[in-house]
Amino acid sequence: WPGTANYLTGPKSYINYEDYVSRPTTAAGPGKSFPMPDRTPLDEHGFSNDLAIKLTDKLTLNAIVAYRKSVVPFSVTAEESPASISDQMWRLAHNQMTEEIRISGGNPNGIDWTAGYYHYDADGMSEGRIQLPGGFLLGGGGLNLEFLLHDPVQTKSDSVFAHAAFRPTDKLTITTGLRQTQDSKAFTFNRLSLDGTPHPVLGALTTATR
């Protein structure tokens, strides 16, 4: 690796030389160092509720809603050393809401059935900073590639479903079901320079949606 440092540890060692400081390299020489998180704190919370209404002795309506939000920052260092061969700093954020309405009925000695509608709506953000100074060569040098990520993700799913269980005899149950689902997912790439403008090398990916 760069210089003569090998950053070797013992065969049964659980330690490394990583100091969680990224040291960029530019065409003009060393860039400005920046710290990276050495922990992965997860902030997650949400709620759910199931409202059940008994319409008749044999008919029940359920309305279920749930929400969840999570944010987690973390870093990835490829070589676990101060050499900054490949440093990645990430922040993942996710929000989702689900809703379900279903109605159930039937007779335990005849046919039990359920029909309903399900909706899923989520949005997320994958953002971070990638630093590839090109240290894959002995003594460093090479790519000198550094860029920001800012990739929003939107996911939706809608479905209707029906389920029925027939009991022609006490020892035989025939189960049938039907579900129709429509899914959509959009991932938008953004590869930016540190000033927020499209990256000169990876800028073609900016606002590209898949």
Protein backbone atom coordinates (compact mmCIF):
# COMPACT_ATOMS: atom_id res chain seq x y z
CA TRP A 1 0.00 0.00 0.00
CA PRO A 2 1.10 3.66 -0.06
CA GLY A 3 4.61 4.01 1.28
CA THR A 4 6.07 1.06 3.15
CA ALA A 5 3.29 0.58 5.75
CA ASN A 6 1.66 -2.87 5.55
CA TYR A 7 -0.78 -2.42 8.48
CA LEU A 8 -0.58 -6.11 9.38
CA THR A 9 -2.12 -7.54 12.56
CA GLY A 10 -1.80 -10.94 14.21
CA PRO A 11 -3.61 -14.00 12.78
CA LYS A 12 -6.07 -14.10 15.72
CA SER A 13 -6.34 -10.36 16.26
CA TYR A 14 -9.68 -8.51 16.23
CA ILE A 15 -8.11 -5.06 15.94
CA ASN A 16 -7.07 -3.00 12.93
CA TYR A 17 -5.36 0.27 12.12
CA GLU A 18 -8.45 2.11 10.88
CA ASP A 19 -8.76 5.61 12.36
CA TYR A 20 -11.99 6.58 10.47
CA VAL A 21 -10.42 9.62 8.85
CA SER A 22 -10.60 9.76 5.06
CA ARG A 23 -7.65 11.35 3.27
CA PRO A 24 -8.63 12.31 -0.29
CA THR A 25 -6.06 12.60 -3.05
CA THR A 26 -6.52 15.06 -5.89
CA ALA A 27 -4.60 15.63 -9.09
CA ALA A 28 -2.88 18.53 -7.34
CA GLY A 29 -1.94 16.48 -4.30
CA PRO A 30 -3.50 15.62 -0.92
CA GLY A 31 -7.02 16.93 -0.39
CA LYS A 32 -8.85 17.97 2.76
CA SER A 33 -9.34 15.11 5.23
CA PHE A 34 -12.77 14.47 6.76
CA PRO A 35 -14.00 12.22 9.61
CA MET A 36 -16.24 9.20 9.07
CA PRO A 37 -18.62 7.59 11.61
CA ASP A 38 -17.10 4.72 13.56
CA ARG A 39 -20.51 3.49 14.78
CA THR A 40 -23.84 2.60 13.19
CA PRO A 41 -26.61 4.22 15.27
CA LEU A 42 -30.08 3.22 14.09
CA ASP A 43 -32.96 5.61 14.74
CA GLU A 44 -36.17 3.69 14.12
CA HIS A 45 -39.74 4.20 15.24
CA GLY A 46 -43.31 3.64 14.10
CA PHE A 47 -46.81 2.66 15.07
CA SER A 48 -49.59 0.30 14.01
CA ASN A 49 -53.28 -0.07 14.72
CA ASP A 50 -55.85 -2.77 13.97
CA LEU A 51 -59.47 -1.66 14.18
CA ALA A 52 -61.94 -4.54 14.16
CA ILE A 53 -65.67 -3.92 13.81
CA LYS A 54 -68.13 -6.78 14.13
CA LEU A 55 -70.87 -5.92 11.67
CA THR A 56 -72.94 -9.03 12.34
CA ASP A 57 -72.45 -12.36 14.09
CA LYS A 58 -70.80 -13.69 10.94
CA LEU A 59 -69.29 -10.56 9.38
CA THR A 60 -66.20 -8.63 10.57
CA LEU A 61 -64.51 -5.54 9.13
CA ASN A 62 -60.81 -4.87 9.81
CA ALA A 63 -58.94 -1.64 9.10
CA ILE A 64 -55.18 -1.92 9.66
CA VAL A 65 -52.68 0.93 9.34
CA ALA A 66 -48.95 1.01 10.10
CA TYR A 67 -46.11 3.52 9.75
CA ARG A 68 -42.37 3.09 10.15
CA LYS A 69 -39.41 5.41 9.79
CA SER A 70 -35.70 4.62 10.03
CA VAL A 71 -32.43 6.53 9.59
CA VAL A 72 -28.98 4.96 9.83
CA PRO A 73 -25.54 6.43 9.06
CA PHE A 74 -22.50 4.19 8.62
CA SER A 75 -19.14 4.00 6.94
CA VAL A 76 -17.32 1.35 4.90
CA THR A 77 -13.55 1.24 4.74
CA ALA A 78 -12.24 -1.36 2.33
CA GLU A 79 -8.79 -1.86 3.80
CA GLU A 80 -9.32 -1.05 7.53
CA SER A 81 -6.26 1.19 7.67
CA PRO A 82 -5.31 4.89 7.48
CA ALA A 83 -4.28 4.38 3.83
CA SER A 84 -7.75 5.49 2.57
CA ILE A 85 -7.79 3.01 -0.29
CA SER A 86 -11.57 3.07 -0.53
CA ASP A 87 -13.68 5.08 1.92
CA GLN A 88 -17.47 5.21 1.83
CA MET A 89 -19.74 7.24 4.09
CA TRP A 90 -23.47 6.47 3.89
CA ARG A 91 -26.80 7.64 5.28
CA LEU A 92 -29.93 5.61 4.56
CA ALA A 93 -33.38 7.01 5.35
CA HIS A 94 -36.68 5.17 4.86
CA ASN A 95 -40.36 5.99 5.46
CA GLN A 96 -43.24 3.64 4.78
CA MET A 97 -46.99 3.55 5.30
CA THR A 98 -49.20 0.50 4.88
CA GLU A 99 -52.99 0.30 4.91
CA GLU A 100 -55.27 -2.70 4.67
CA ILE A 101 -59.03 -3.02 4.67
CA ARG A 102 -60.59 -6.46 4.73
CA ILE A 103 -63.96 -8.00 5.42
CA SER A 104 -64.37 -11.57 6.61
CA GLY A 105 -67.32 -13.84 7.04
CA GLY A 106 -68.61 -17.35 6.74
CA ASN A 107 -69.62 -20.35 8.74
CA PRO A 108 -67.12 -22.66 10.53
CA ASN A 109 -69.18 -25.61 9.29
CA GLY A 110 -69.38 -24.36 5.70
CA ILE A 111 -67.34 -21.64 3.94
CA ASP A 112 -64.99 -19.06 5.48
CA TRP A 113 -63.97 -16.16 3.25
CA THR A 114 -61.96 -12.93 3.35
CA ALA A 115 -61.71 -10.12 0.78
CA GLY A 116 -59.79 -6.88 0.96
CA TYR A 117 -57.47 -4.19 -0.35
CA TYR A 118 -53.81 -3.51 0.56
CA HIS A 119 -51.74 -0.38 -0.08
CA TYR A 120 -47.99 0.17 0.47
CA ASP A 121 -46.28 3.54 -0.03
CA ALA A 122 -42.62 4.15 0.77
CA ASP A 123 -39.93 6.67 0.03
CA GLY A 124 -36.27 6.54 0.89
CA MET A 125 -32.99 8.31 0.40
CA SER A 126 -29.59 6.74 -0.14
CA GLU A 127 -26.92 9.38 0.21
CA GLY A 128 -23.27 9.52 1.04
CA ARG A 129 -19.73 10.32 0.03
CA ILE A 130 -17.45 7.94 -1.87
CA GLN A 131 -13.71 8.44 -1.92
CA LEU A 132 -11.46 6.36 -4.21
CA PRO A 133 -7.98 7.90 -4.22
CA GLY A 134 -6.56 5.18 -6.43
CA GLY A 135 -4.45 3.49 -3.80
CA PHE A 136 -4.94 0.12 -5.45
CA LEU A 137 -1.45 0.61 -6.90
CA LEU A 138 1.62 0.35 -4.69
CA GLY A 139 2.50 3.83 -3.51
CA GLY A 140 -0.96 5.18 -4.35
CA GLY A 141 -1.98 7.04 -7.46
CA GLY A 142 -4.71 6.12 -9.93
CA LEU A 143 -8.39 7.03 -9.90
CA ASN A 144 -8.51 10.05 -7.57
CA LEU A 145 -12.28 9.77 -7.73
CA GLU A 146 -14.49 11.46 -5.11
CA PHE A 147 -18.21 12.12 -5.37
CA LEU A 148 -21.48 12.48 -3.48
CA LEU A 149 -24.53 10.21 -3.69
CA HIS A 150 -28.07 11.52 -3.44
CA ASP A 151 -30.43 8.79 -4.66
CA PRO A 152 -34.15 9.02 -3.84
CA VAL A 153 -36.26 5.84 -4.04
CA GLN A 154 -40.03 5.67 -4.34
CA THR A 155 -41.98 2.41 -4.03
CA LYS A 156 -45.72 1.77 -4.26
CA SER A 157 -47.84 -1.35 -4.23
CA ASP A 158 -51.61 -1.81 -4.49
CA SER A 159 -53.43 -5.11 -4.39
CA VAL A 160 -56.87 -6.65 -4.01
CA PHE A 161 -57.32 -10.17 -2.72
CA ALA A 162 -59.90 -12.81 -1.89
CA HIS A 163 -59.60 -16.06 0.04
CA ALA A 164 -62.08 -18.83 0.71
CA ALA A 165 -61.95 -22.13 2.59
CA PHE A 166 -64.55 -24.79 1.76
CA ARG A 167 -65.26 -27.71 4.09
CA PRO A 168 -67.16 -30.40 2.18
CA THR A 169 -66.58 -32.84 5.07
CA ASP A 170 -65.32 -32.68 8.65
CA LYS A 171 -61.90 -33.98 7.55
CA LEU A 172 -61.46 -32.11 4.26
CA THR A 173 -60.83 -28.40 3.61
CA ILE A 174 -60.37 -26.90 0.15
CA THR A 175 -58.59 -23.53 0.17
CA THR A 176 -58.67 -21.11 -2.77
CA GLY A 177 -57.29 -17.61 -3.21
CA LEU A 178 -56.89 -14.83 -5.72
CA ARG A 179 -54.65 -11.74 -5.64
CA GLN A 180 -54.00 -8.95 -8.12
CA THR A 181 -51.01 -6.69 -7.41
CA GLN A 182 -49.60 -3.62 -9.13
CA ASP A 183 -46.09 -2.55 -8.08
CA SER A 184 -43.95 0.41 -9.03
CA LYS A 185 -40.43 1.39 -7.99
CA ALA A 186 -38.30 4.32 -9.11
CA PHE A 187 -34.62 4.75 -8.19
CA THR A 188 -33.05 8.06 -9.25
CA PHE A 189 -29.26 8.21 -9.49
CA ASN A 190 -27.37 11.38 -8.65
CA ARG A 191 -23.56 11.51 -8.78
CA LEU A 192 -22.40 14.93 -7.67
CA SER A 193 -19.22 16.86 -7.04
CA LEU A 194 -18.59 18.14 -3.51
CA ASP A 195 -20.16 21.50 -4.46
CA GLY A 196 -23.44 19.80 -5.46
CA THR A 197 -23.03 20.11 -9.23
CA PRO A 198 -23.04 17.06 -11.56
CA HIS A 199 -19.78 15.14 -11.31
CA PRO A 200 -17.48 15.70 -14.34
CA VAL A 201 -16.90 11.95 -14.79
CA LEU A 202 -20.12 10.40 -13.42
CA GLY A 203 -22.47 13.29 -14.16
CA ALA A 204 -24.24 11.32 -16.91
CA LEU A 205 -25.93 9.35 -14.10
CA THR A 206 -27.41 12.48 -12.53
CA THR A 207 -31.23 12.40 -12.49
CA ALA A 208 -31.16 9.02 -14.28
CA THR A 209 -34.20 7.08 -13.07
CA ARG A 210 -34.66 3.31 -13.24
